[in-house]
Amino acid sequence: MFIAVLPCQGTSDQTPRRGFLKVMLNIIGAIISGLVIGALARWFYPGTVPMNWLTTILLGIGGSLLAGLVTSRGSRDFSRAGCLASVIGAIVLIFLGRLLHIG
C-alpha cells in the first residue's frame, strides 16, 4: 500500500521566514517603543538627564521590562506593561542610576 504525503498549504518554505520576520518586527517595535518610553521618562524626570539616543532607547526598554516584572505579580507568565507603567519603570531606573552614580 502506497500513501502519498503532500505538504499542506502554508507549511512550505515560508514558515521559517515568517518566524524570522516576526522576530525582526518585535525587535524593531521594542526599539521604537523604547525610544518613546525613554524620551517620556527623561521629559518627566525633574532636572537634566544627560544621555545619548542609544542610552535613551535602552532606558525605555529596561523600564518596560522592569514594569512588566512588577505588574506580573510574581506569576511565571511575563505580561507586557502598559505605557504609563513603562515610563514609571524608566524613571525608577534613572533614579537608581543617579543614586549609584552610573552615567
Protein backbone atom coordinates (compact mmCIF):
# COMPACT_ATOMS: atom_id res chain seq x y z
CA MET A 1 0.00 0.00 0.00
CA PHE A 2 1.41 3.37 -1.02
CA ILE A 3 0.36 6.59 0.75
CA ALA A 4 1.34 9.91 -0.75
CA VAL A 5 2.13 12.62 1.73
CA LEU A 6 1.52 16.06 0.32
CA PRO A 7 2.53 19.19 2.16
CA CYS A 8 -0.31 21.33 3.44
CA GLN A 9 -0.66 24.88 2.31
CA GLY A 10 1.43 27.24 4.43
CA THR A 11 3.87 24.60 5.60
CA SER A 12 6.28 25.16 2.76
CA ASP A 13 9.49 27.13 2.92
CA GLN A 14 7.64 30.24 4.12
CA THR A 15 7.30 29.13 7.76
CA PRO A 16 10.91 29.86 8.83
CA ARG A 17 10.77 33.21 7.03
CA ARG A 18 7.58 34.17 8.84
CA GLY A 19 9.18 33.35 12.18
CA PHE A 20 12.22 35.45 11.33
CA LEU A 21 10.03 38.33 10.17
CA LYS A 22 8.01 38.18 13.38
CA VAL A 23 11.18 38.31 15.49
CA MET A 24 12.58 41.22 13.49
CA LEU A 25 9.33 43.18 13.77
CA ASN A 26 9.28 42.59 17.53
CA ILE A 27 12.85 43.89 17.81
CA ILE A 28 12.05 46.98 15.72
CA GLY A 29 8.92 47.58 17.81
CA ALA A 30 10.91 47.27 21.04
CA ILE A 31 13.46 49.80 19.78
CA ILE A 32 10.79 52.32 18.73
CA SER A 33 8.76 51.92 21.92
CA GLY A 34 11.98 52.06 23.97
CA LEU A 35 12.83 55.38 22.34
CA VAL A 36 9.38 56.80 23.07
CA ILE A 37 9.26 55.48 26.65
CA GLY A 38 12.83 56.63 27.38
CA ALA A 39 12.16 60.10 25.95
CA LEU A 40 8.98 60.43 28.03
CA ALA A 41 10.82 59.31 31.17
CA ARG A 42 13.59 61.83 30.55
CA TRP A 43 10.98 64.55 29.99
CA PHE A 44 9.05 63.76 33.20
CA TYR A 45 12.16 63.31 35.36
CA PRO A 46 12.99 66.56 37.22
CA GLY A 47 16.31 68.12 36.21
CA THR A 48 18.51 67.35 33.26
CA VAL A 49 19.32 63.79 32.31
CA PRO A 50 22.48 63.69 30.15
CA MET A 51 22.02 60.71 27.82
CA ASN A 52 22.53 59.92 24.17
CA TRP A 53 19.86 58.29 21.98
CA LEU A 54 21.14 54.74 22.46
CA THR A 55 21.04 55.09 26.24
CA THR A 56 17.54 56.55 25.98
CA ILE A 57 16.37 53.54 23.97
CA LEU A 58 17.96 51.11 26.43
CA LEU A 59 16.42 53.06 29.31
CA GLY A 60 12.95 52.75 27.77
CA ILE A 61 13.35 49.03 27.08
CA GLY A 62 14.68 48.47 30.60
CA GLY A 63 11.84 50.49 32.10
CA SER A 64 9.32 48.43 30.17
CA LEU A 65 10.93 45.20 31.35
CA LEU A 66 11.04 46.42 34.96
CA ALA A 67 7.38 47.44 34.82
CA GLY A 68 6.48 44.10 33.22
CA LEU A 69 8.18 42.21 36.03
CA VAL A 70 6.44 44.28 38.70
CA THR A 71 3.00 44.10 37.11
CA SER A 72 3.16 40.34 36.51
CA ARG A 73 2.77 39.89 40.28
CA GLY A 74 5.18 37.01 40.56
CA SER A 75 3.46 34.75 38.07
CA ARG A 76 5.52 32.81 35.57
CA ASP A 77 3.84 34.49 32.64
CA PHE A 78 5.56 37.72 31.64
CA SER A 79 2.99 40.31 30.63
CA ARG A 80 3.72 43.44 28.67
CA ALA A 81 3.37 46.51 30.80
CA GLY A 82 1.32 49.48 29.82
CA CYS A 83 2.86 52.71 28.63
CA LEU A 84 2.39 54.53 31.94
CA ALA A 85 3.93 51.68 33.94
CA SER A 86 6.85 51.57 31.49
CA VAL A 87 7.51 55.29 31.89
CA ILE A 88 7.40 54.92 35.68
CA GLY A 89 9.81 51.97 35.45
CA ALA A 90 12.19 54.04 33.32
CA ILE A 91 12.01 56.92 35.81
CA VAL A 92 12.90 54.47 38.59
CA LEU A 93 15.91 53.34 36.51
CA ILE A 94 17.02 56.97 36.07
CA PHE A 95 16.73 57.49 39.83
CA LEU A 96 18.70 54.33 40.61
CA GLY A 97 21.37 55.26 38.05
CA ARG A 98 21.81 58.69 39.61
CA LEU A 99 21.77 57.22 43.12
CA LEU A 100 24.56 54.80 42.20
CA HIS A 101 26.38 57.46 40.11
CA ILE A 102 26.10 55.48 36.86
CA GLY A 103 26.40 57.56 33.72
